[in-house]
């Protein structure tokens, strides 16, 4: 399975990930706009709605 790059993904790309819907995709894009690129996948925990467990579950599907 191809990994989705958190820094390059479009909303459509993000929504391909199981567990990320419309609202969460928007939050990731908004975070990226205001904070710049993600340096680590763990940084996703700073986004509203993404806890440690969620990030751990999604980690295999993501890249930075």
PDB file of N, CA and C in Angstrom:
ATOM      1  N   UNK A   1       0.844  -1.208   0.000  1.00  0.00           N
ATOM      2  CA  UNK A   1       0.000   0.000   0.000  1.00  0.00           C
ATOM      3  C   UNK A   1       0.876   1.254   0.000  1.00  0.00           C
ATOM      4  N   UNK A   2       0.542   2.158  -0.881  1.00  0.00           N
ATOM      5  CA  UNK A   2       1.303   3.396  -0.992  1.00  0.00           C
ATOM      6  C   UNK A   2       1.009   4.298   0.198  1.00  0.00           C
ATOM      7  N   UNK A   3       2.062   4.889   0.742  1.00  0.00           N
ATOM      8  CA  UNK A   3       1.860   5.788   1.882  1.00  0.00           C
ATOM      9  C   UNK A   3       1.423   7.162   1.398  1.00  0.00           C
ATOM     10  N   UNK A   4       0.632   7.815   2.214  1.00  0.00           N
ATOM     11  CA  UNK A   4       0.166   9.164   1.904  1.00  0.00           C
ATOM     12  C   UNK A   4       1.095  10.152   2.606  1.00  0.00           C
ATOM     13  N   UNK A   5       1.641  11.084   1.844  1.00  0.00           N
ATOM     14  CA  UNK A   5       2.530  12.078   2.436  1.00  0.00           C
ATOM     15  C   UNK A   5       1.703  13.206   3.048  1.00  0.00           C
ATOM     16  N   UNK A   6       1.872  13.384   4.358  1.00  0.00           N
ATOM     17  CA  UNK A   6       1.086  14.386   5.085  1.00  0.00           C
ATOM     18  C   UNK A   6       1.295  15.798   4.558  1.00  0.00           C
ATOM     19  N   UNK A   7       2.458  16.043   3.970  1.00  0.00           N
ATOM     20  CA  UNK A   7       2.771  17.400   3.517  1.00  0.00           C
ATOM     21  C   UNK A   7       2.329  17.677   2.081  1.00  0.00           C
ATOM     22  N   UNK A   8       2.071  16.632   1.324  1.00  0.00           N
ATOM     23  CA  UNK A   8       1.710  16.828  -0.077  1.00  0.00           C
ATOM     24  C   UNK A   8       0.291  16.402  -0.383  1.00  0.00           C
ATOM     25  N   UNK A   9      -0.339  15.710   0.547  1.00  0.00           N
ATOM     26  CA  UNK A   9      -1.653  15.133   0.299  1.00  0.00           C
ATOM     27  C   UNK A   9      -2.720  16.191   0.073  1.00  0.00           C
ATOM     28  N   UNK A  10      -3.586  15.911  -0.872  1.00  0.00           N
ATOM     29  CA  UNK A  10      -4.783  16.729  -1.054  1.00  0.00           C
ATOM     30  C   UNK A  10      -5.843  16.195  -0.094  1.00  0.00           C
ATOM     31  N   UNK A  11      -6.929  16.900   0.000  1.00  0.00           N
ATOM     32  CA  UNK A  11      -8.027  16.442   0.846  1.00  0.00           C
ATOM     33  C   UNK A  11      -8.492  15.055   0.404  1.00  0.00           C
ATOM     34  N   UNK A  12      -8.571  14.850  -0.910  1.00  0.00           N
ATOM     35  CA  UNK A  12      -9.007  13.551  -1.448  1.00  0.00           C
ATOM     36  C   UNK A  12      -8.047  12.446  -1.025  1.00  0.00           C
ATOM     37  N   UNK A  13      -6.741  12.740  -1.092  1.00  0.00           N
ATOM     38  CA  UNK A  13      -5.732  11.754  -0.668  1.00  0.00           C
ATOM     39  C   UNK A  13      -5.943  11.377   0.793  1.00  0.00           C
ATOM     40  N   UNK A  14      -6.109  12.389   1.622  1.00  0.00           N
ATOM     41  CA  UNK A  14      -6.246  12.153   3.060  1.00  0.00           C
ATOM     42  C   UNK A  14      -7.477  11.308   3.372  1.00  0.00           C
ATOM     43  N   UNK A  15      -8.530  11.540   2.614  1.00  0.00           N
ATOM     44  CA  UNK A  15      -9.776  10.826   2.876  1.00  0.00           C
ATOM     45  C   UNK A  15      -9.733   9.370   2.433  1.00  0.00           C
ATOM     46  N   UNK A  16      -8.682   8.983   1.699  1.00  0.00           N
ATOM     47  CA  UNK A  16      -8.500   7.583   1.325  1.00  0.00           C
ATOM     48  C   UNK A  16      -8.043   6.763   2.524  1.00  0.00           C
ATOM     49  N   UNK A  17      -7.534   7.440   3.529  1.00  0.00           N
ATOM     50  CA  UNK A  17      -7.034   6.750   4.716  1.00  0.00           C
ATOM     51  C   UNK A  17      -8.200   6.367   5.610  1.00  0.00           C
ATOM     52  N   UNK A  18      -8.216   5.120   6.002  1.00  0.00           N
ATOM     53  CA  UNK A  18      -9.299   4.651   6.851  1.00  0.00           C
ATOM     54  C   UNK A  18      -9.228   5.397   8.184  1.00  0.00           C
ATOM     55  N   UNK A  19     -10.341   5.978   8.608  1.00  0.00           N
ATOM     56  CA  UNK A  19     -10.339   6.734   9.864  1.00  0.00           C
ATOM     57  C   UNK A  19     -10.234   8.236   9.665  1.00  0.00           C
ATOM     58  N   UNK A  20      -9.972   8.667   8.442  1.00  0.00           N
ATOM     59  CA  UNK A  20      -9.931  10.111   8.174  1.00  0.00           C
ATOM     60  C   UNK A  20     -11.071  10.459   7.231  1.00  0.00           C
ATOM     61  N   UNK A  21     -11.996  11.233   7.747  1.00  0.00           N
ATOM     62  CA  UNK A  21     -13.130  11.661   6.937  1.00  0.00           C
ATOM     63  C   UNK A  21     -12.974  13.116   6.553  1.00  0.00           C
ATOM     64  N   UNK A  22     -14.058  13.668   6.094  1.00  0.00           N
ATOM     65  CA  UNK A  22     -14.109  15.035   5.618  1.00  0.00           C
ATOM     66  C   UNK A  22     -13.559  16.046   6.637  1.00  0.00           C
ATOM     67  N   UNK A  23     -14.072  15.996   7.852  1.00  0.00           N
ATOM     68  CA  UNK A  23     -13.697  16.997   8.864  1.00  0.00           C
ATOM     69  C   UNK A  23     -12.240  16.862   9.285  1.00  0.00           C
ATOM     70  N   UNK A  24     -11.795  15.622   9.475  1.00  0.00           N
ATOM     71  CA  UNK A  24     -10.404  15.421   9.901  1.00  0.00           C
ATOM     72  C   UNK A  24      -9.427  15.821   8.797  1.00  0.00           C
ATOM     73  N   UNK A  25      -9.790  15.553   7.560  1.00  0.00           N
ATOM     74  CA  UNK A  25      -8.947  15.956   6.436  1.00  0.00           C
ATOM     75  C   UNK A  25      -8.803  17.480   6.422  1.00  0.00           C
ATOM     76  N   UNK A  26      -9.921  18.180   6.630  1.00  0.00           N
ATOM     77  CA  UNK A  26      -9.881  19.647   6.684  1.00  0.00           C
ATOM     78  C   UNK A  26      -8.974  20.138   7.801  1.00  0.00           C
ATOM     79  N   UNK A  27      -9.027  19.460   8.946  1.00  0.00           N
ATOM     80  CA  UNK A  27      -8.206  19.876  10.088  1.00  0.00           C
ATOM     81  C   UNK A  27      -6.713  19.705   9.805  1.00  0.00           C
ATOM     82  N   UNK A  28      -6.376  18.616   9.111  1.00  0.00           N
ATOM     83  CA  UNK A  28      -4.972  18.392   8.753  1.00  0.00           C
ATOM     84  C   UNK A  28      -4.504  19.496   7.804  1.00  0.00           C
ATOM     85  N   UNK A  29      -5.332  19.828   6.817  1.00  0.00           N
ATOM     86  CA  UNK A  29      -4.961  20.861   5.851  1.00  0.00           C
ATOM     87  C   UNK A  29      -4.842  22.226   6.531  1.00  0.00           C
ATOM     88  N   UNK A  30      -5.741  22.503   7.462  1.00  0.00           N
ATOM     89  CA  UNK A  30      -5.700  23.776   8.178  1.00  0.00           C
ATOM     90  C   UNK A  30      -4.443  23.867   9.047  1.00  0.00           C
ATOM     91  N   UNK A  31      -4.099  22.761   9.686  1.00  0.00           N
ATOM     92  CA  UNK A  31      -2.895  22.725  10.520  1.00  0.00           C
ATOM     93  C   UNK A  31      -1.661  22.981   9.656  1.00  0.00           C
ATOM     94  N   UNK A  32      -1.623  22.343   8.507  1.00  0.00           N
ATOM     95  CA  UNK A  32      -0.484  22.486   7.601  1.00  0.00           C
ATOM     96  C   UNK A  32      -0.355  23.922   7.124  1.00  0.00           C
ATOM     97  N   UNK A  33      -1.508  24.560   6.899  1.00  0.00           N
ATOM     98  CA  UNK A  33      -1.493  25.947   6.436  1.00  0.00           C
ATOM     99  C   UNK A  33      -0.956  26.890   7.505  1.00  0.00           C
ATOM    100  N   UNK A  34      -1.335  26.649   8.745  1.00  0.00           N
ATOM    101  CA  UNK A  34      -0.902  27.581   9.780  1.00  0.00           C
ATOM    102  C   UNK A  34       0.434  27.233  10.413  1.00  0.00           C
ATOM    103  N   UNK A  35       0.861  25.976  10.360  1.00  0.00           N
ATOM    104  CA  UNK A  35       2.118  25.581  11.013  1.00  0.00           C
ATOM    105  C   UNK A  35       3.215  25.179  10.041  1.00  0.00           C
ATOM    106  N   UNK A  36       2.879  25.119   8.762  1.00  0.00           N
ATOM    107  CA  UNK A  36       3.871  24.660   7.793  1.00  0.00           C
ATOM    108  C   UNK A  36       3.884  23.142   7.758  1.00  0.00           C
ATOM    109  N   UNK A  37       4.923  22.591   7.171  1.00  0.00           N
ATOM    110  CA  UNK A  37       4.987  21.160   6.944  1.00  0.00           C
ATOM    111  C   UNK A  37       5.118  20.362   8.235  1.00  0.00           C
ATOM    112  N   UNK A  38       4.598  19.149   8.188  1.00  0.00           N
ATOM    113  CA  UNK A  38       4.786  18.214   9.295  1.00  0.00           C
ATOM    114  C   UNK A  38       6.232  17.720   9.254  1.00  0.00           C
ATOM    115  N   UNK A  39       6.900  17.746  10.392  1.00  0.00           N
ATOM    116  CA  UNK A  39       8.274  17.246  10.443  1.00  0.00           C
ATOM    117  C   UNK A  39       8.286  15.765  10.805  1.00  0.00           C
ATOM    118  N   UNK A  40       7.310  15.340  11.588  1.00  0.00           N
ATOM    119  CA  UNK A  40       7.190  13.932  11.954  1.00  0.00           C
ATOM    120  C   UNK A  40       5.717  13.530  11.867  1.00  0.00           C
ATOM    121  N   UNK A  41       5.483  12.243  11.770  1.00  0.00           N
ATOM    122  CA  UNK A  41       4.103  11.761  11.760  1.00  0.00           C
ATOM    123  C   UNK A  41       3.468  12.008  13.126  1.00  0.00           C
ATOM    124  N   UNK A  42       4.272  11.908  14.182  1.00  0.00           N
ATOM    125  CA  UNK A  42       3.767  12.130  15.548  1.00  0.00           C
ATOM    126  C   UNK A  42       3.168  13.523  15.727  1.00  0.00           C
ATOM    127  N   UNK A  43       3.636  14.454  14.932  1.00  0.00           N
ATOM    128  CA  UNK A  43       3.139  15.836  15.023  1.00  0.00           C
ATOM    129  C   UNK A  43       1.630  15.905  14.742  1.00  0.00           C
ATOM    130  N   UNK A  44       1.119  14.873  14.091  1.00  0.00           N
ATOM    131  CA  UNK A  44      -0.311  14.793  13.810  1.00  0.00           C
ATOM    132  C   UNK A  44      -1.128  14.841  15.106  1.00  0.00           C
ATOM    133  N   UNK A  45      -0.511  14.459  16.221  1.00  0.00           N
ATOM    134  CA  UNK A  45      -1.188  14.504  17.520  1.00  0.00           C
ATOM    135  C   UNK A  45      -1.546  15.934  17.925  1.00  0.00           C
ATOM    136  N   UNK A  46      -0.892  16.919  17.325  1.00  0.00           N
ATOM    137  CA  UNK A  46      -1.216  18.319  17.623  1.00  0.00           C
ATOM    138  C   UNK A  46      -2.493  18.762  16.933  1.00  0.00           C
ATOM    139  N   UNK A  47      -2.955  17.969  15.979  1.00  0.00           N
ATOM    140  CA  UNK A  47      -4.170  18.316  15.250  1.00  0.00           C
ATOM    141  C   UNK A  47      -5.371  17.851  16.060  1.00  0.00           C
ATOM    142  N   UNK A  48      -6.333  18.737  16.199  1.00  0.00           N
ATOM    143  CA  UNK A  48      -7.547  18.438  16.956  1.00  0.00           C
ATOM    144  C   UNK A  48      -8.204  17.162  16.428  1.00  0.00           C
ATOM    145  N   UNK A  49      -8.499  16.227  17.314  1.00  0.00           N
ATOM    146  CA  UNK A  49      -9.173  15.007  16.888  1.00  0.00           C
ATOM    147  C   UNK A  49      -8.245  13.821  16.670  1.00  0.00           C
ATOM    148  N   UNK A  50      -6.941  14.050  16.765  1.00  0.00           N
ATOM    149  CA  UNK A  50      -5.981  12.968  16.594  1.00  0.00           C
ATOM    150  C   UNK A  50      -5.209  12.720  17.881  1.00  0.00           C
ATOM    151  N   UNK A  51      -5.571  11.642  18.554  1.00  0.00           N
ATOM    152  CA  UNK A  51      -4.856  11.283  19.769  1.00  0.00           C
ATOM    153  C   UNK A  51      -3.717  10.334  19.462  1.00  0.00           C
ATOM    154  N   UNK A  52      -3.001   9.959  20.507  1.00  0.00           N
ATOM    155  CA  UNK A  52      -1.851   9.067  20.370  1.00  0.00           C
ATOM    156  C   UNK A  52      -2.242   7.735  19.714  1.00  0.00           C
ATOM    157  N   UNK A  53      -3.366   7.176  20.145  1.00  0.00           N
ATOM    158  CA  UNK A  53      -3.796   5.872  19.608  1.00  0.00           C
ATOM    159  C   UNK A  53      -4.162   5.965  18.138  1.00  0.00           C
ATOM    160  N   UNK A  54      -4.863   7.028  17.779  1.00  0.00           N
ATOM    161  CA  UNK A  54      -5.246   7.224  16.375  1.00  0.00           C
ATOM    162  C   UNK A  54      -4.007   7.339  15.501  1.00  0.00           C
ATOM    163  N   UNK A  55      -3.051   8.142  15.949  1.00  0.00           N
ATOM    164  CA  UNK A  55      -1.828   8.345  15.172  1.00  0.00           C
ATOM    165  C   UNK A  55      -1.061   7.029  15.041  1.00  0.00           C
ATOM    166  N   UNK A  56      -0.997   6.263  16.114  1.00  0.00           N
ATOM    167  CA  UNK A  56      -0.311   4.968  16.072  1.00  0.00           C
ATOM    168  C   UNK A  56      -0.967   4.040  15.040  1.00  0.00           C
ATOM    169  N   UNK A  57      -2.294   4.103  14.976  1.00  0.00           N
ATOM    170  CA  UNK A  57      -3.032   3.258  14.031  1.00  0.00           C
ATOM    171  C   UNK A  57      -2.794   3.690  12.576  1.00  0.00           C
ATOM    172  N   UNK A  58      -2.666   4.990  12.372  1.00  0.00           N
ATOM    173  CA  UNK A  58      -2.538   5.524  11.000  1.00  0.00           C
ATOM    174  C   UNK A  58      -1.110   5.530  10.492  1.00  0.00           C
ATOM    175  N   UNK A  59      -0.161   5.413  11.416  1.00  0.00           N
ATOM    176  CA  UNK A  59       1.261   5.599  11.114  1.00  0.00           C
ATOM    177  C   UNK A  59       1.761   4.828   9.892  1.00  0.00           C
ATOM    178  N   UNK A  60       1.318   3.589   9.752  1.00  0.00           N
ATOM    179  CA  UNK A  60       1.770   2.753   8.636  1.00  0.00           C
ATOM    180  C   UNK A  60       1.314   3.280   7.279  1.00  0.00           C
ATOM    181  N   UNK A  61       0.278   4.087   7.307  1.00  0.00           N
ATOM    182  CA  UNK A  61      -0.273   4.587   6.031  1.00  0.00           C
ATOM    183  C   UNK A  61       0.262   5.962   5.662  1.00  0.00           C
ATOM    184  N   UNK A  62       1.090   6.538   6.551  1.00  0.00           N
ATOM    185  CA  UNK A  62       1.533   7.916   6.345  1.00  0.00           C
ATOM    186  C   UNK A  62       3.034   8.055   6.161  1.00  0.00           C
ATOM    187  N   UNK A  63       3.405   9.133   5.508  1.00  0.00           N
ATOM    188  CA  UNK A  63       4.809   9.516   5.367  1.00  0.00           C
ATOM    189  C   UNK A  63       4.899  11.021   5.525  1.00  0.00           C
ATOM    190  N   UNK A  64       6.136  11.515   5.746  1.00  0.00           N
ATOM    191  CA  UNK A  64       6.348  12.972   5.761  1.00  0.00           C
ATOM    192  C   UNK A  64       7.523  13.326   4.862  1.00  0.00           C
TER     193      UNK A  64
END
